[in-house]
Protein backbone atom coordinates (compact mmCIF):
# COMPACT_ATOMS: atom_id res chain seq x y z
CA MET A 1 105.45 82.84 82.35
CA PRO A 2 104.81 82.52 78.62
CA GLY A 3 106.37 85.22 76.48
CA LEU A 4 108.71 86.50 79.20
CA SER A 5 112.39 85.91 78.65
CA ILE A 6 114.79 85.56 81.44
CA THR A 7 116.63 88.54 80.06
CA ARG A 8 113.49 90.74 80.49
CA ILE A 9 112.95 89.42 83.98
CA LEU A 10 116.54 90.18 85.07
CA THR A 11 116.53 93.53 83.41
CA GLY A 12 113.36 94.48 85.35
CA ALA A 13 114.88 93.32 88.59
CA ALA A 14 118.05 95.19 88.04
CA MET A 15 116.07 98.39 87.28
CA THR A 16 114.05 97.90 90.39
CA ALA A 17 117.10 97.44 92.55
CA ALA A 18 118.80 100.64 90.93
CA LEU A 19 115.72 102.73 91.67
CA ALA A 20 115.52 101.51 95.30
CA GLY A 21 119.21 102.39 95.76
CA THR A 22 118.54 105.91 94.47
CA ALA A 23 115.68 106.43 96.88
CA ALA A 24 117.75 105.06 99.76
CA ALA A 25 120.64 107.44 98.97
CA HIS A 26 118.24 110.53 98.80
CA HIS A 27 116.71 109.62 102.20
CA GLY A 28 119.82 108.41 103.85
CA TRP A 29 122.53 110.30 105.61
CA SER A 30 125.16 110.54 102.87
CA TRP A 31 124.51 114.26 102.28
CA ALA A 32 124.85 115.20 105.83
CA GLU A 33 127.92 115.99 107.97
CA ALA A 34 128.95 113.57 110.76
CA ASP A 35 129.03 116.31 113.46
CA GLN A 36 125.71 117.47 114.98
CA ILE A 37 124.54 120.99 115.63
CA ASP A 38 121.64 122.52 117.54
CA LEU A 39 119.47 124.81 115.40
CA LYS A 40 117.26 127.23 117.32
CA GLY A 41 114.44 129.14 115.71
CA THR A 42 110.77 129.70 115.00
CA ILE A 43 108.66 127.16 113.14
CA GLN A 44 107.45 128.81 109.79
CA SER A 45 105.66 125.79 108.30
CA ILE A 46 105.12 122.05 109.10
CA SER A 47 104.43 119.19 106.69
CA PHE A 48 103.68 115.66 107.69
CA ALA A 49 103.49 114.45 104.12
CA PRO A 50 105.54 111.53 102.90
CA PRO A 51 108.35 110.64 102.21
CA HIS A 52 109.19 112.28 105.58
CA PRO A 53 107.75 115.21 107.68
CA THR A 54 109.69 118.53 107.45
CA LEU A 55 109.79 121.76 109.19
CA GLU A 56 110.78 125.18 107.79
CA VAL A 57 112.49 126.94 110.71
CA ARG A 58 113.53 130.57 110.77
CA ALA A 59 116.90 130.93 112.61
CA GLU A 60 119.25 133.88 112.99
CA ASP A 61 120.95 133.03 109.63
CA GLY A 62 117.79 132.31 107.53
CA VAL A 63 115.24 129.65 106.99
CA TRP A 64 116.28 126.11 107.35
CA ARG A 65 114.56 122.85 106.10
CA VAL A 66 114.53 120.42 108.96
CA GLU A 67 113.85 116.82 107.89
CA LEU A 68 112.47 114.35 110.30
CA GLY A 69 112.21 110.52 109.99
CA ASN A 70 109.66 108.70 107.93
CA PRO A 71 106.05 109.29 108.93
CA ASN A 72 105.81 106.10 111.04
CA GLN A 73 109.15 106.69 112.76
CA THR A 74 108.26 110.36 113.54
CA GLN A 75 104.88 109.24 114.91
CA ARG A 76 106.60 106.57 117.12
CA ALA A 77 108.72 109.40 118.48
CA GLY A 78 105.45 111.11 119.57
CA PHE A 79 105.73 113.94 117.06
CA VAL A 80 102.29 114.02 115.45
CA GLU A 81 100.02 116.77 114.21
CA GLY A 82 99.10 119.19 117.03
CA GLN A 83 102.39 118.70 118.92
CA ALA A 84 103.70 121.98 117.39
CA LYS A 85 102.36 124.98 115.35
CA VAL A 86 103.61 127.71 113.22
CA GLY A 87 105.20 130.34 115.50
CA ASP A 88 106.47 127.87 118.12
CA GLN A 89 110.13 128.01 119.27
CA ILE A 90 112.09 124.91 118.39
CA THR A 91 115.52 123.47 119.01
CA ALA A 92 116.42 120.81 116.42
CA THR A 93 119.56 118.76 117.00
CA GLY A 94 120.92 116.99 113.91
CA ASN A 95 123.32 116.76 111.08
CA ARG A 96 123.54 119.62 108.64
CA SER A 97 124.11 119.38 104.90
CA GLU A 98 127.72 119.05 103.80
CA ASP A 99 126.81 121.85 101.27
CA ARG A 100 127.32 124.93 103.53
CA ASP A 101 125.14 126.90 101.01
CA GLU A 102 122.21 124.68 101.69
CA LYS A 103 120.33 125.36 105.01
CA ARG A 104 119.12 121.78 105.53
CA LEU A 105 119.29 119.67 108.72
CA LYS A 106 118.41 115.99 109.29
CA ALA A 107 117.05 116.08 112.82
CA VAL A 108 117.77 113.31 115.38
CA ARG A 109 115.97 115.22 118.11
CA ILE A 110 113.48 118.16 118.32
CA VAL A 111 112.33 120.08 121.35
CA VAL A 112 109.06 122.06 121.12
CA ALA A 113 107.28 123.75 124.09
CA GLY A 114 109.57 121.92 126.58
CA LYS A 115 108.73 118.46 125.04
CA THR A 116 111.57 116.45 123.57
CA PHE A 117 110.97 114.12 120.62
CA ASP A 118 113.83 111.67 119.87
CA ILE A 119 113.41 110.94 116.11
CA TYR A 120 116.59 108.86 115.79
CA PRO A 121 117.54 108.05 119.44
CA GLU A 122 120.38 105.71 118.36
CA ARG A 123 122.00 108.63 116.38
CA ILE A 124 121.98 111.18 119.15
CA LYS A 125 125.47 112.18 120.01
CA THR A 126 126.00 113.65 123.56
CA ASN A 127 128.88 116.02 124.31
């Protein structure tokens, strides 16, 4: 490519890789505890918007943000619009934030109206 130096190409590639790593870290599991909990409550809001669907769930100790898989993964689990609504009771199994002041859970499974949706079946730990 005329006018492009190898340095500029390599710099651009390095920046792209760095940004991809940052995105992966944000959406990965590094922020979550290894142990899983069951969170029971009432759905306050539902969002299916990228980067991943989320639920706001009112539990006994306050409102939690429950993060699901990316939209395609969540859809493959069968959890699509219409499967749950505000006011429904839910049990979300997953990994809570390591920051105990943050009410945030990465769900591996959710149960709504007697239906089970395994978002990350390979990550579900049974007791």
